[in-house]
């Protein structure tokens, strides 16, 4: 994908940032103006050098840069010192802690520090720093910039840049330039990567000496510190961050999200009913939102019954493509009517022939024929009839026919009837009272079941002595629910 650089126009920098014209050939990533507009400082009140930390005034909260807004912070030995338009520190010699060598500065923590963190989806290169410092007292002052890559400071991974010195005291201070173009690791700072910079200062003589990063009031010299370089959208391929597919009513809905979109043309939705041969069914234009996540949705209004397969084809401006698959989804159309109108019931002698049909089935377990007279509830007759639908699901009509012999002796009742007899035959073999008591209890239960069953059948199935008899078919589902056919009168022949 083509890399798109995000560069800040030089004319804009003339308005935002200071120093002389030599700076404006480079792009400004961050700058600190210690006059009256530091984030967190009351507007109209110039900072006095005592602030605990100082967020950069550019980019500030504008969000126009590819970096997070950096914040100047103090090392533990960088004691705040009041001085207008500055971020200042006292060498604290009055406390009897000399900072005459670089080792002293490192041991005491006499430094200022800021993190330069690249935003996700961007990359950066650094050209250098321009900074103005102000000193007090006489003698020579020394300083060194040090950096390391990572979210926390690591002495083992730090890089020490060439030290500098200054003997300029008071007034407007002195302007310095730091060239970072030779630091290879800083020429390609990756997305979401962080670089920590520290500025160590040492060499004060006498007591009460101080050091400041200092801003002037003139329009051309307002910034005390400027970070020079450029950011660009990271040259990474667009990445699918999420994919979802679901059945919604009589349609199938596809959702997906993409990050790092750039130079894309469109997305083509591909469909297959067998997972082998795909055909395009829709196209969505690419949003090309860069580092902002793009959201897409597509609804397929004519899915096939059964398994459905989908892919999205990502097409860039050079007509190069990349495909992403969705999970297979099973679709079953809603069944508003289960039983067809083809329900008949004919009684010929003691044989009841029942025929019915289904338009479609979903999670069917079995069917049961039930009959009733006007003054009796429906009761099952005959055996259960297993569904013809594979796994209980069918989206094509199915036909069923069953014969029920109403006066036949049920095999279950035969088993129930002879069970007490068999138990009685084995009764003498058991001598323990508990076992004999259990046998007597089971025999009583079986006898009661037989009597109850015969009594119910006698009350309900008495085809010779009743008038009209009604019939229905019950569809019992795998989850225990039931669906019922219409009720018809049994035809006698």
Protein backbone atom coordinates (compact mmCIF):
# COMPACT_ATOMS: atom_id res chain seq x y z
CA UNK A 1 0.00 0.00 0.00
CA UNK A 2 1.22 3.48 -0.77
CA UNK A 3 2.75 5.36 2.16
CA UNK A 4 1.09 8.73 2.71
CA UNK A 5 3.21 11.29 4.55
CA UNK A 6 1.54 13.73 6.91
CA UNK A 7 3.67 16.89 6.78
CA UNK A 8 3.03 20.23 8.45
CA UNK A 9 3.20 23.24 6.17
CA UNK A 10 6.12 25.62 6.75
CA UNK A 11 3.93 28.68 6.79
CA UNK A 12 1.91 27.22 9.67
CA UNK A 13 5.12 26.72 11.61
CA UNK A 14 6.04 30.38 11.14
CA UNK A 15 2.92 31.27 13.07
CA UNK A 16 3.15 28.54 15.72
CA UNK A 17 6.84 28.32 16.53
CA UNK A 18 9.87 30.46 17.01
CA UNK A 19 13.61 30.82 16.51
CA UNK A 20 15.27 32.01 13.34
CA UNK A 21 14.53 31.05 9.75
CA UNK A 22 16.94 28.12 9.65
CA UNK A 23 14.41 26.01 11.55
CA UNK A 24 11.58 26.23 9.08
CA UNK A 25 13.07 23.88 6.52
CA UNK A 26 12.14 21.07 8.90
CA UNK A 27 8.79 19.98 10.36
CA UNK A 28 7.91 20.56 13.99
CA UNK A 29 6.50 17.59 15.92
CA UNK A 30 6.33 19.25 19.33
CA UNK A 31 7.26 22.55 20.96
CA UNK A 32 7.11 24.26 24.36
CA UNK A 33 6.25 27.97 24.63
CA UNK A 34 6.60 29.07 28.25
CA UNK A 35 4.80 32.39 27.82
CA UNK A 36 1.11 32.05 28.66
CA UNK A 37 -0.46 29.10 26.89
CA UNK A 38 0.91 25.93 28.42
CA UNK A 39 -1.85 23.32 28.88
CA UNK A 40 -2.71 23.19 32.58
CA UNK A 41 -1.54 26.74 33.28
CA UNK A 42 -4.16 29.45 33.83
CA UNK A 43 -4.53 31.39 30.53
CA UNK A 44 -2.94 34.82 30.69
CA UNK A 45 -0.62 33.88 33.55
CA UNK A 46 2.96 33.20 32.49
CA UNK A 47 4.56 30.05 33.99
CA UNK A 48 7.05 30.91 36.71
CA UNK A 49 9.34 27.88 36.45
CA UNK A 50 7.90 26.11 39.48
CA UNK A 51 5.46 23.85 37.61
CA UNK A 52 5.83 20.14 38.35
CA UNK A 53 5.48 19.21 34.69
CA UNK A 54 4.85 21.01 31.42
CA UNK A 55 2.85 19.50 28.54
CA UNK A 56 3.94 20.66 25.10
CA UNK A 57 2.01 23.62 23.73
CA UNK A 58 2.13 22.01 20.29
CA UNK A 59 0.51 19.73 19.25
CA UNK A 60 -1.28 20.14 22.59
CA UNK A 61 -4.85 18.97 22.34
CA UNK A 62 -5.12 19.66 18.60
CA UNK A 63 -4.34 16.08 17.62
CA UNK A 64 -2.78 17.20 14.32
CA UNK A 65 0.46 15.31 14.88
CA UNK A 66 1.21 11.59 14.65
CA UNK A 67 2.63 11.63 18.18
CA UNK A 68 1.07 11.77 21.61
CA UNK A 69 1.49 15.19 23.21
CA UNK A 70 4.78 14.96 25.17
CA UNK A 71 5.20 16.28 28.72
CA UNK A 72 8.36 17.70 30.28
CA UNK A 73 8.97 16.22 33.71
CA UNK A 74 11.56 16.68 36.43
CA UNK A 75 14.15 14.19 37.59
CA UNK A 76 14.19 13.61 41.38
CA UNK A 77 17.19 15.94 41.78
CA UNK A 78 15.91 18.71 39.51
CA UNK A 79 14.56 21.04 42.20
CA UNK A 80 12.11 23.61 40.89
CA UNK A 81 13.29 27.21 40.69
CA UNK A 82 11.08 30.20 40.05
CA UNK A 83 11.81 32.19 36.91
CA UNK A 84 9.25 33.58 34.46
CA UNK A 85 8.68 31.96 31.05
CA UNK A 86 10.78 28.93 32.03
CA UNK A 87 10.88 25.34 33.16
CA UNK A 88 13.55 25.78 35.80
CA UNK A 89 15.68 23.91 38.26
CA UNK A 90 18.03 24.76 41.11
CA UNK A 91 21.39 23.04 41.42
CA UNK A 92 20.68 22.94 45.14
CA UNK A 93 24.27 23.55 46.17
CA UNK A 94 22.96 25.16 49.38
CA UNK A 95 21.92 21.71 50.52
CA UNK A 96 25.52 20.57 50.29
CA UNK A 97 24.94 18.29 47.28
CA UNK A 98 27.46 19.16 44.56
CA UNK A 99 26.56 18.51 40.93
CA UNK A 100 29.95 19.18 39.43
CA UNK A 101 30.30 16.05 37.29
CA UNK A 102 28.10 14.08 34.95
CA UNK A 103 28.20 11.20 37.43
CA UNK A 104 26.77 13.56 40.07
CA UNK A 105 23.92 14.54 37.79
CA UNK A 106 23.08 10.90 37.07
CA UNK A 107 23.32 9.85 40.69
CA UNK A 108 21.17 12.71 41.98
CA UNK A 109 18.79 12.67 39.03
CA UNK A 110 19.46 16.23 37.86
CA UNK A 111 17.69 16.13 34.52
CA UNK A 112 14.52 17.01 32.64
CA UNK A 113 12.75 14.27 30.68
CA UNK A 114 9.98 13.76 28.16
CA UNK A 115 8.54 10.78 26.29
CA UNK A 116 8.00 10.91 22.54
CA UNK A 117 5.35 8.26 21.79
CA UNK A 118 4.18 7.57 18.24
CA UNK A 119 0.44 7.05 17.85
CA UNK A 120 -0.90 3.68 16.65
CA UNK A 121 -1.01 3.55 12.87
CA UNK A 122 1.81 6.08 12.43
CA UNK A 123 5.60 6.04 12.23
CA UNK A 124 8.07 8.87 12.81
CA UNK A 125 11.59 10.07 12.11
CA UNK A 126 13.46 12.64 14.18
CA UNK A 127 15.79 15.27 12.73
CA UNK A 128 16.83 16.99 15.95
CA UNK A 129 16.07 19.49 18.74
CA UNK A 130 16.37 23.26 18.99
CA UNK A 131 16.42 24.52 22.56
CA UNK A 132 17.27 27.68 24.52
CA UNK A 133 18.86 27.48 27.96
CA UNK A 134 19.56 30.15 30.57
CA UNK A 135 22.11 29.85 33.40
CA UNK A 136 23.09 31.77 36.51
CA UNK A 137 26.51 32.38 38.05
CA UNK A 138 29.91 32.04 36.48
CA UNK A 139 31.99 29.19 35.18
CA UNK A 140 31.34 26.53 32.56
CA UNK A 141 28.18 24.45 32.46
CA UNK A 142 27.95 21.04 30.81
CA UNK A 143 25.01 19.01 29.58
CA UNK A 144 24.20 15.90 27.61
CA UNK A 145 21.10 14.46 25.89
CA UNK A 146 20.52 10.74 26.46
CA UNK A 147 17.72 8.54 25.11
CA UNK A 148 16.44 5.00 25.22
CA UNK A 149 13.67 3.19 23.35
CA UNK A 150 10.90 1.69 25.45
CA UNK A 151 8.09 2.55 27.82
CA UNK A 152 10.39 2.73 30.86
CA UNK A 153 13.92 4.05 31.29
CA UNK A 154 16.63 1.44 30.75
CA UNK A 155 20.22 2.37 31.60
CA UNK A 156 21.51 -0.69 29.75
CA UNK A 157 19.78 0.39 26.56
CA UNK A 158 20.45 4.13 26.72
CA UNK A 159 22.27 6.04 23.99
CA UNK A 160 24.42 8.98 25.09
CA UNK A 161 24.80 11.82 22.60
CA UNK A 162 27.77 14.19 22.42
CA UNK A 163 27.97 16.50 25.46
CA UNK A 164 27.86 20.28 25.19
CA UNK A 165 29.13 23.17 27.25
CA UNK A 166 28.20 26.81 27.79
CA UNK A 167 29.60 29.77 29.68
CA UNK A 168 26.88 32.24 28.72
CA UNK A 169 25.16 33.59 31.81
CA UNK A 170 21.85 35.43 32.20
CA UNK A 171 20.31 37.61 29.50
CA UNK A 172 18.47 35.71 26.80
CA UNK A 173 20.49 32.60 27.40
CA UNK A 174 21.89 30.55 24.52
CA UNK A 175 20.31 28.71 21.58
CA UNK A 176 21.51 25.17 20.84
CA UNK A 177 20.81 22.66 18.06
CA UNK A 178 20.97 18.88 18.41
CA UNK A 179 21.31 16.83 15.21
CA UNK A 180 19.58 13.42 15.44
CA UNK A 181 19.70 12.54 11.75
CA UNK A 182 22.62 10.17 12.33
CA UNK A 183 20.73 8.14 14.94
CA UNK A 184 19.50 5.20 12.86
CA UNK A 185 16.97 3.96 15.41
CA UNK A 186 15.32 7.39 15.48
CA UNK A 187 14.81 7.47 11.71
CA UNK A 188 12.13 4.80 11.79
CA UNK A 189 10.20 4.89 15.05
CA UNK A 190 7.41 2.39 14.62
CA UNK A 191 3.73 2.71 15.46
CA UNK A 192 2.97 2.83 19.19
CA UNK A 193 6.71 2.89 19.99
CA UNK A 194 8.03 5.18 22.72
CA UNK A 195 11.37 7.03 23.04
CA UNK A 196 12.44 8.61 26.36
CA UNK A 197 14.76 11.64 26.22
CA UNK A 198 16.73 12.97 29.23
CA UNK A 199 18.72 16.19 29.43
CA UNK A 200 21.40 16.00 32.16
CA UNK A 201 23.01 19.23 33.46
CA UNK A 202 26.04 19.63 35.74
CA UNK A 203 29.01 21.89 36.52
CA UNK A 204 27.57 24.73 38.64
CA UNK A 205 29.97 26.60 40.89
CA UNK A 206 29.02 28.28 44.18
CA UNK A 207 25.58 28.21 45.76
CA UNK A 208 22.13 29.06 44.52
CA UNK A 209 22.87 28.37 40.84
CA UNK A 210 20.03 27.54 38.52
CA UNK A 211 19.26 26.32 34.99
CA UNK A 212 16.18 26.97 32.83
CA UNK A 213 14.68 25.96 29.52
CA UNK A 214 13.69 29.49 28.64
CA UNK A 215 11.25 31.26 26.31
CA UNK A 216 11.59 34.81 25.07
CA UNK A 217 8.69 37.15 24.45
CA UNK A 218 9.49 38.02 20.85
CA UNK A 219 7.38 36.36 18.17
CA UNK A 220 10.42 34.65 16.61
CA UNK A 221 11.85 33.22 19.84
CA UNK A 222 8.88 32.09 21.92
CA UNK A 223 9.67 28.38 22.04
CA UNK A 224 12.11 27.04 24.60
CA UNK A 225 12.28 23.56 23.04
CA UNK A 226 11.33 22.28 19.60
CA UNK A 227 11.33 18.64 18.39
CA UNK A 228 11.99 18.46 14.65
CA UNK A 229 11.06 15.58 12.36
CA UNK A 230 8.06 14.18 10.56
CA UNK A 231 5.38 11.56 10.98
CA UNK A 232 3.60 9.48 8.39
CA UNK A 233 0.85 6.89 8.24
CA UNK A 234 2.55 3.55 8.87
CA UNK A 235 3.05 1.51 5.72
CA UNK A 236 1.07 -1.49 6.92
CA UNK A 237 -1.52 -3.58 5.16
CA UNK A 238 -5.13 -3.05 6.18
CA UNK A 239 -6.06 -5.49 8.91
CA UNK A 240 -9.46 -7.07 9.60
CA UNK A 241 -9.98 -6.56 13.32
CA UNK A 242 -13.34 -8.35 13.64
CA UNK A 243 -15.75 -10.49 11.63
CA UNK A 244 -19.28 -11.56 12.54
CA UNK A 245 -22.03 -13.41 10.71
CA UNK A 246 -25.56 -14.18 11.91
CA UNK A 247 -29.03 -15.13 10.70
CA UNK A 248 -31.44 -12.22 11.03
CA UNK A 249 -35.00 -13.23 10.18
CA UNK A 250 -34.98 -14.47 6.60
CA UNK A 251 -31.57 -12.88 5.84
CA UNK A 252 -27.92 -13.34 6.76
CA UNK A 253 -26.00 -10.31 8.04
CA UNK A 254 -22.23 -9.89 7.70
CA UNK A 255 -20.26 -7.34 9.77
CA UNK A 256 -16.55 -6.61 9.69
CA UNK A 257 -14.13 -3.91 10.85
CA UNK A 258 -10.82 -2.80 9.32
CA UNK A 259 -7.87 -0.77 10.63
CA UNK A 260 -5.09 0.98 8.66
CA UNK A 261 -7.17 1.43 5.52
CA UNK A 262 -5.47 3.42 2.76
CA UNK A 263 -5.55 3.33 -1.03
CA UNK A 264 -8.36 0.77 -1.13
CA UNK A 265 -11.05 0.72 -3.82
CA UNK A 266 -13.80 -1.51 -2.47
CA UNK A 267 -14.91 -4.75 -0.83
CA UNK A 268 -16.65 -7.46 -2.86
CA UNK A 269 -18.89 -9.89 -0.98
CA UNK A 270 -18.60 -13.45 -2.33
CA UNK A 271 -21.14 -16.20 -1.69
CA UNK A 272 -21.22 -19.99 -2.07
CA UNK A 273 -23.75 -22.66 -1.18
CA UNK A 274 -21.18 -25.47 -1.25
CA UNK A 275 -17.95 -23.82 -0.07
CA UNK A 276 -16.24 -24.37 -3.44
CA UNK A 277 -17.76 -22.13 -6.11
CA UNK A 278 -18.17 -18.49 -5.09
CA UNK A 279 -20.07 -15.72 -6.84
CA UNK A 280 -20.16 -11.94 -6.14
CA UNK A 281 -23.39 -10.74 -4.53
CA UNK A 282 -22.51 -7.16 -3.55
CA UNK A 283 -19.88 -4.41 -3.45
CA UNK A 284 -19.13 -1.80 -0.77
CA UNK A 285 -16.80 1.17 -1.37
CA UNK A 286 -13.76 1.38 0.91
CA UNK A 287 -13.84 4.14 3.50
CA UNK A 288 -10.02 4.60 3.66
CA UNK A 289 -10.12 5.92 7.23
CA UNK A 290 -6.42 5.28 7.90
CA UNK A 291 -5.73 4.69 11.58
CA UNK A 292 -9.42 5.04 12.45
CA UNK A 293 -11.28 1.73 12.45
CA UNK A 294 -13.78 1.42 9.58
CA UNK A 295 -17.06 -0.48 10.09
CA UNK A 296 -18.89 -2.40 7.34
CA UNK A 297 -22.19 -4.34 7.13
CA UNK A 298 -23.82 -6.33 4.35
CA UNK A 299 -27.17 -8.17 4.31
CA UNK A 300 -27.76 -11.18 2.04
CA UNK A 301 -31.48 -11.29 1.35
CA UNK A 302 -31.60 -14.62 -0.51
CA UNK A 303 -29.62 -17.23 1.42
CA UNK A 304 -29.97 -20.91 0.58
CA UNK A 305 -31.55 -23.47 2.86
CA UNK A 306 -28.72 -25.30 4.59
CA UNK A 307 -25.07 -24.25 4.78
CA UNK A 308 -24.01 -20.84 3.45
CA UNK A 309 -20.42 -19.69 2.88
CA UNK A 310 -19.11 -16.13 2.54
CA UNK A 311 -15.87 -14.28 1.79
CA UNK A 312 -15.02 -10.62 1.40
CA UNK A 313 -12.53 -9.63 -1.26
CA UNK A 314 -10.50 -6.52 -0.49
CA UNK A 315 -9.50 -4.63 -3.65
CA UNK A 316 -6.94 -1.80 -3.67
CA UNK A 317 -6.43 0.98 -6.19
CA UNK A 318 -3.92 -1.16 -8.09
CA UNK A 319 -6.56 -3.91 -8.43
CA UNK A 320 -4.63 -6.19 -6.08
CA UNK A 321 -6.89 -8.35 -3.94
CA UNK A 322 -6.92 -10.13 -0.61
CA UNK A 323 -9.67 -12.42 0.67
CA UNK A 324 -11.05 -13.00 4.17
CA UNK A 325 -13.39 -15.90 5.02
CA UNK A 326 -16.36 -15.87 7.37
CA UNK A 327 -17.54 -18.82 9.43
CA UNK A 328 -20.01 -21.11 7.74
CA UNK A 329 -23.60 -20.38 8.75
CA UNK A 330 -26.62 -22.71 8.57
CA UNK A 331 -29.87 -21.15 7.44
CA UNK A 332 -33.37 -22.59 7.84
CA UNK A 333 -36.28 -20.50 6.64
CA UNK A 334 -39.03 -19.75 9.17
CA UNK A 335 -41.80 -22.40 9.11
CA UNK A 336 -45.13 -20.71 9.60
CA UNK A 337 -47.11 -23.92 8.89
CA UNK A 338 -45.90 -27.40 9.74
CA UNK A 339 -48.75 -29.73 8.76
CA UNK A 340 -50.23 -29.76 5.28
CA UNK A 341 -53.96 -30.12 4.64
CA UNK A 342 -53.53 -33.77 3.64
CA UNK A 343 -54.75 -35.27 6.94
CA UNK A 344 -57.12 -38.22 6.67
CA UNK A 345 -58.24 -40.93 9.08
CA UNK A 346 -60.27 -44.00 8.00
CA UNK A 347 -61.52 -46.77 10.35
CA UNK A 348 -62.08 -50.10 8.58
CA UNK A 349 -63.05 -52.74 11.12
CA UNK A 350 -60.53 -52.39 13.89
CA UNK A 351 -57.83 -50.91 11.65
CA UNK A 352 -57.40 -47.15 11.73
CA UNK A 353 -55.39 -45.79 8.78
CA UNK A 354 -54.02 -42.29 9.26
CA UNK A 355 -52.28 -40.22 6.60
CA UNK A 356 -50.71 -36.77 7.05
CA UNK A 357 -48.06 -34.56 5.52
CA UNK A 358 -45.67 -31.86 6.66
CA UNK A 359 -44.61 -28.77 4.76
CA UNK A 360 -41.40 -28.40 6.74
CA UNK A 361 -39.90 -29.72 9.96
CA UNK A 362 -37.46 -28.36 12.50
CA UNK A 363 -35.93 -30.44 15.33
CA UNK A 364 -38.67 -33.08 15.10
CA UNK A 365 -38.36 -36.12 17.33
CA UNK A 366 -41.46 -38.19 16.46
CA UNK A 367 -45.22 -38.11 15.84
CA UNK A 368 -48.09 -39.54 17.88
CA UNK A 369 -51.69 -40.17 16.78
CA UNK A 370 -54.33 -39.18 19.35
CA UNK A 371 -58.11 -39.73 19.37
CA UNK A 372 -61.03 -38.44 21.43
CA UNK A 373 -64.76 -38.44 21.73
CA UNK A 374 -66.69 -35.28 22.49
CA UNK A 375 -66.65 -35.86 26.24
CA UNK A 376 -63.17 -37.36 26.62
CA UNK A 377 -59.68 -35.83 26.40
CA UNK A 378 -57.30 -36.82 23.58
CA UNK A 379 -55.30 -39.94 24.29
CA UNK A 380 -52.49 -41.55 22.25
CA UNK A 381 -53.15 -44.69 20.23
CA UNK A 382 -50.61 -46.86 18.49
CA UNK A 383 -46.87 -46.47 18.64
CA UNK A 384 -44.74 -43.38 18.11
CA UNK A 385 -43.79 -42.67 14.51
CA UNK A 386 -40.23 -41.47 13.99
CA UNK A 387 -39.66 -38.50 11.74
CA UNK A 388 -38.39 -39.00 8.19
CA UNK A 389 -36.46 -35.74 8.36
CA UNK A 390 -32.70 -36.11 8.66
CA UNK A 391 -31.66 -34.99 12.14
CA UNK A 392 -35.22 -33.78 12.57
CA UNK A 393 -34.90 -30.98 9.98
CA UNK A 394 -36.52 -30.83 6.55
CA UNK A 395 -37.37 -28.00 4.23
CA UNK A 396 -39.23 -30.14 1.70
CA UNK A 397 -42.70 -31.73 2.13
CA UNK A 398 -42.78 -35.19 3.72
CA UNK A 399 -45.61 -37.74 3.77
CA UNK A 400 -46.55 -40.19 6.53
CA UNK A 401 -49.04 -43.09 6.81
CA UNK A 402 -49.63 -45.44 9.70
CA UNK A 403 -52.08 -48.24 10.55
CA UNK A 404 -53.33 -48.54 14.14
CA UNK A 405 -55.15 -51.73 15.26
CA UNK A 406 -57.44 -50.39 17.96
CA UNK A 407 -58.44 -53.76 19.48
CA UNK A 408 -54.98 -55.31 19.51
CA UNK A 409 -53.44 -56.16 22.84
CA UNK A 410 -50.55 -53.81 23.51
CA UNK A 411 -47.23 -55.65 24.01
CA UNK A 412 -46.37 -53.31 26.86
CA UNK A 413 -49.56 -54.40 28.66
CA UNK A 414 -48.67 -58.06 28.09
CA UNK A 415 -45.31 -57.51 29.74
CA UNK A 416 -46.98 -55.65 32.61
CA UNK A 417 -49.53 -58.39 33.00
CA UNK A 418 -47.12 -61.28 33.27
CA UNK A 419 -44.58 -59.43 35.42
CA UNK A 420 -46.49 -60.01 38.73
CA UNK A 421 -46.78 -63.70 37.83
CA UNK A 422 -43.08 -64.01 37.21
CA UNK A 423 -42.27 -62.18 40.40
CA UNK A 424 -44.63 -64.51 42.30
CA UNK A 425 -42.83 -67.57 40.91
CA UNK A 426 -39.50 -66.31 42.21
CA UNK A 427 -40.91 -65.08 45.52
CA UNK A 428 -40.09 -68.31 47.50
CA UNK A 429 -36.45 -68.04 46.47
CA UNK A 430 -35.94 -64.86 48.45
CA UNK A 431 -35.68 -65.42 52.21
CA UNK A 432 -34.75 -61.95 53.40
CA UNK A 433 -37.72 -59.94 54.62
CA UNK A 434 -36.55 -56.71 53.00
CA UNK A 435 -36.30 -58.32 49.56
CA UNK A 436 -39.69 -60.04 49.92
CA UNK A 437 -41.23 -56.73 51.01
CA UNK A 438 -39.76 -55.01 47.96
CA UNK A 439 -41.16 -57.72 45.66
CA UNK A 440 -44.62 -57.35 47.14
CA UNK A 441 -44.45 -53.57 46.71
CA UNK A 442 -43.39 -53.83 43.04
CA UNK A 443 -46.11 -56.41 42.35
CA UNK A 444 -48.73 -54.05 43.78
CA UNK A 445 -47.49 -51.17 41.64
CA UNK A 446 -47.60 -53.27 38.48
CA UNK A 447 -51.10 -54.51 39.24
CA UNK A 448 -52.33 -50.96 39.82
CA UNK A 449 -50.74 -49.83 36.52
CA UNK A 450 -52.44 -52.62 34.58
CA UNK A 451 -55.82 -51.93 36.11
CA UNK A 452 -55.53 -48.19 35.48
CA UNK A 453 -54.41 -48.66 31.90
CA UNK A 454 -57.17 -51.09 31.08
CA UNK A 455 -59.73 -48.87 32.76
CA UNK A 456 -58.67 -45.82 30.75
CA UNK A 457 -58.67 -47.73 27.48
CA UNK A 458 -62.09 -49.12 28.24
CA UNK A 459 -63.41 -45.60 28.88
CA UNK A 460 -61.90 -44.06 25.73
CA UNK A 461 -61.51 -46.66 23.03
CA UNK A 462 -64.96 -48.16 22.76
CA UNK A 463 -65.46 -47.67 19.04
CA UNK A 464 -68.60 -49.81 18.85
CA UNK A 465 -70.55 -47.82 21.41
CA UNK A 466 -69.67 -44.22 20.60
CA UNK A 467 -70.74 -41.84 17.92
CA UNK A 468 -68.24 -39.49 16.39
CA UNK A 469 -64.56 -39.97 17.17
CA UNK A 470 -62.02 -37.22 16.54
CA UNK A 471 -58.36 -37.48 15.65
CA UNK A 472 -55.24 -35.29 15.61
CA UNK A 473 -51.51 -35.82 15.05
CA UNK A 474 -49.00 -34.48 17.52
CA UNK A 475 -45.46 -33.49 16.46
CA UNK A 476 -43.16 -33.87 19.44
CA UNK A 477 -39.92 -31.91 19.17
CA UNK A 478 -36.41 -32.64 20.40
CA UNK A 479 -36.66 -29.92 23.03
CA UNK A 480 -39.88 -31.39 24.48
CA UNK A 481 -42.32 -28.92 22.89
CA UNK A 482 -45.27 -30.03 20.76
CA UNK A 483 -47.05 -28.90 17.60
CA UNK A 484 -50.57 -30.06 16.69
CA UNK A 485 -52.34 -30.76 13.43
CA UNK A 486 -55.91 -29.81 12.76
CA UNK A 487 -58.63 -32.01 14.31
CA UNK A 488 -60.68 -34.17 11.94
CA UNK A 489 -63.48 -36.72 12.35
CA UNK A 490 -62.55 -40.36 11.76
CA UNK A 491 -64.30 -41.76 8.70
CA UNK A 492 -65.91 -45.19 9.25
CA UNK A 493 -66.17 -47.80 6.51
